[in-house]
Protein backbone atom coordinates (compact mmCIF):
# COMPACT_ATOMS: atom_id res chain seq x y z
CA MET A 1 40.82 21.25 5.61
CA THR A 2 39.63 19.13 2.71
CA ALA A 3 36.21 19.42 1.09
CA LYS A 4 35.33 16.12 2.77
CA ASP A 5 36.12 17.66 6.25
CA GLU A 6 34.21 20.88 5.64
CA LYS A 7 31.03 21.45 7.65
CA PRO A 8 27.98 21.32 5.44
CA MET A 9 26.51 24.68 4.56
CA PHE A 10 23.05 23.47 5.87
CA PRO A 11 22.41 20.85 8.46
CA ASN A 12 21.29 17.30 7.59
CA TRP A 13 18.30 15.97 9.40
CA HIS A 14 20.09 12.82 10.61
CA ASP A 15 23.36 14.46 11.65
CA ARG A 16 22.64 14.75 15.39
CA PRO A 17 23.56 13.01 18.60
CA GLU A 18 21.04 10.34 19.62
CA THR A 19 20.37 11.44 23.18
CA ARG A 20 20.28 14.62 25.22
CA GLU A 21 23.29 13.46 27.16
CA GLN A 22 25.29 13.05 24.02
CA ALA A 23 24.24 16.52 22.84
CA GLY A 24 25.28 18.04 26.15
CA LEU A 25 22.69 18.92 28.83
CA ASN A 26 23.06 22.62 28.29
CA SER A 27 22.93 22.33 24.47
CA ASP A 28 20.06 23.93 22.61
CA TYR A 29 20.79 21.40 19.80
CA LEU A 30 17.91 19.01 19.22
CA ASP A 31 19.10 15.47 19.86
CA GLY A 32 17.74 12.46 17.90
CA ASP A 33 15.30 11.32 20.56
CA SER A 34 13.80 14.80 21.02
CA PHE A 35 13.74 15.19 17.26
CA VAL A 36 11.48 12.11 16.86
CA ARG A 37 9.36 13.03 19.86
CA LEU A 38 8.75 16.50 18.33
CA ALA A 39 7.93 15.05 14.91
CA ASP A 40 5.51 12.58 16.68
CA GLN A 41 3.61 15.66 17.97
CA PHE A 42 3.01 16.92 14.47
CA ILE A 43 1.99 13.39 13.35
CA SER A 44 -0.46 13.17 16.24
CA LEU A 45 -2.02 16.47 15.20
CA ALA A 46 -2.22 15.21 11.61
CA ASN A 47 -3.87 12.00 12.72
CA GLN A 48 -6.41 14.00 14.73
CA ARG A 49 -7.12 16.25 11.78
CA GLY A 50 -7.27 13.16 9.54
CA LYS A 51 -10.56 12.23 11.13
CA LYS A 52 -12.21 15.07 9.12
CA VAL A 53 -9.77 15.71 6.25
CA ALA A 54 -8.66 13.23 3.56
CA ALA A 55 -5.14 11.95 4.13
CA THR A 56 -4.18 12.97 0.66
CA ASP A 57 -5.20 16.59 1.34
CA LEU A 58 -3.62 16.48 4.80
CA GLN A 59 -0.20 15.37 3.53
CA LEU A 60 -0.24 18.25 1.04
CA VAL A 61 -1.11 20.71 3.85
CA MET A 62 1.76 19.42 5.89
CA MET A 63 4.16 19.71 2.95
CA PHE A 64 2.90 23.30 2.28
CA ALA A 65 3.40 24.24 5.95
CA ALA A 66 6.88 22.63 5.98
CA ALA A 67 7.82 24.52 2.86
CA ARG A 68 6.50 27.76 4.21
CA TYR A 69 8.43 27.36 7.42
CA ALA A 70 11.58 26.32 5.62
CA ALA A 71 11.31 29.42 3.46
CA HIS A 72 11.08 31.51 6.67
CA VAL A 73 14.10 29.79 8.20
CA GLY A 74 16.13 30.13 4.91
CA LYS A 75 15.28 33.84 4.50
CA ASN A 76 15.14 35.08 8.04
CA VAL A 77 17.14 32.75 10.25
CA LEU A 78 19.94 31.40 8.01
CA VAL A 79 19.69 34.39 5.68
CA VAL A 80 20.77 32.39 2.67
CA ASP A 81 22.37 34.23 -0.25
CA GLU A 82 21.79 31.48 -2.72
CA GLN A 83 18.24 30.35 -2.43
CA GLU A 84 18.51 27.59 -5.07
CA LYS A 85 21.23 25.88 -3.07
CA PHE A 86 19.00 25.95 0.01
CA ILE A 87 15.98 24.64 -1.99
CA ASP A 88 18.16 21.90 -3.45
CA HIS A 89 19.43 20.93 0.05
CA MET A 90 15.92 20.88 1.52
CA THR A 91 14.58 18.89 -1.46
CA LYS A 92 17.33 16.22 -0.94
CA GLN A 93 16.56 16.18 2.85
CA TYR A 94 12.89 15.39 2.09
CA GLN A 95 13.77 12.74 -0.39
CA ASP A 96 16.09 11.12 2.14
CA MET A 97 13.43 11.22 4.84
CA LEU A 98 10.73 9.83 2.53
CA ARG A 99 12.95 6.98 1.31
CA THR A 100 13.75 6.15 4.91
CA HIS A 101 10.09 5.98 5.89
CA MET A 102 8.99 4.15 2.71
CA ALA A 103 11.56 1.42 3.61
CA ASP A 104 10.33 1.24 7.18
CA PRO A 105 8.05 -1.86 7.57
CA THR A 106 6.39 -0.33 10.67
CA VAL A 107 4.90 2.55 8.71
């Protein structure tokens, strides 16, 4: 197996089947459609809270919560040995997501 063929140490946000059928009906893997629907639930909550909280504060609250939850997953679910590699991976994931959304004319 070459380095190119190796499975990444941590999953990438966009490496997922698009639909539940493609993922397999009995799979517990979150497909692309479900991924976006779940993210939309968090965005809806943020929009609701945004009626009383400044958007600039709210985005920092969401980033804080995401970082806190990522730390939990890294430490307690994935049990990473090299925290800096996990932090680097998660930082790159965020940058990729942010670039994707900044380029989206519908945002």
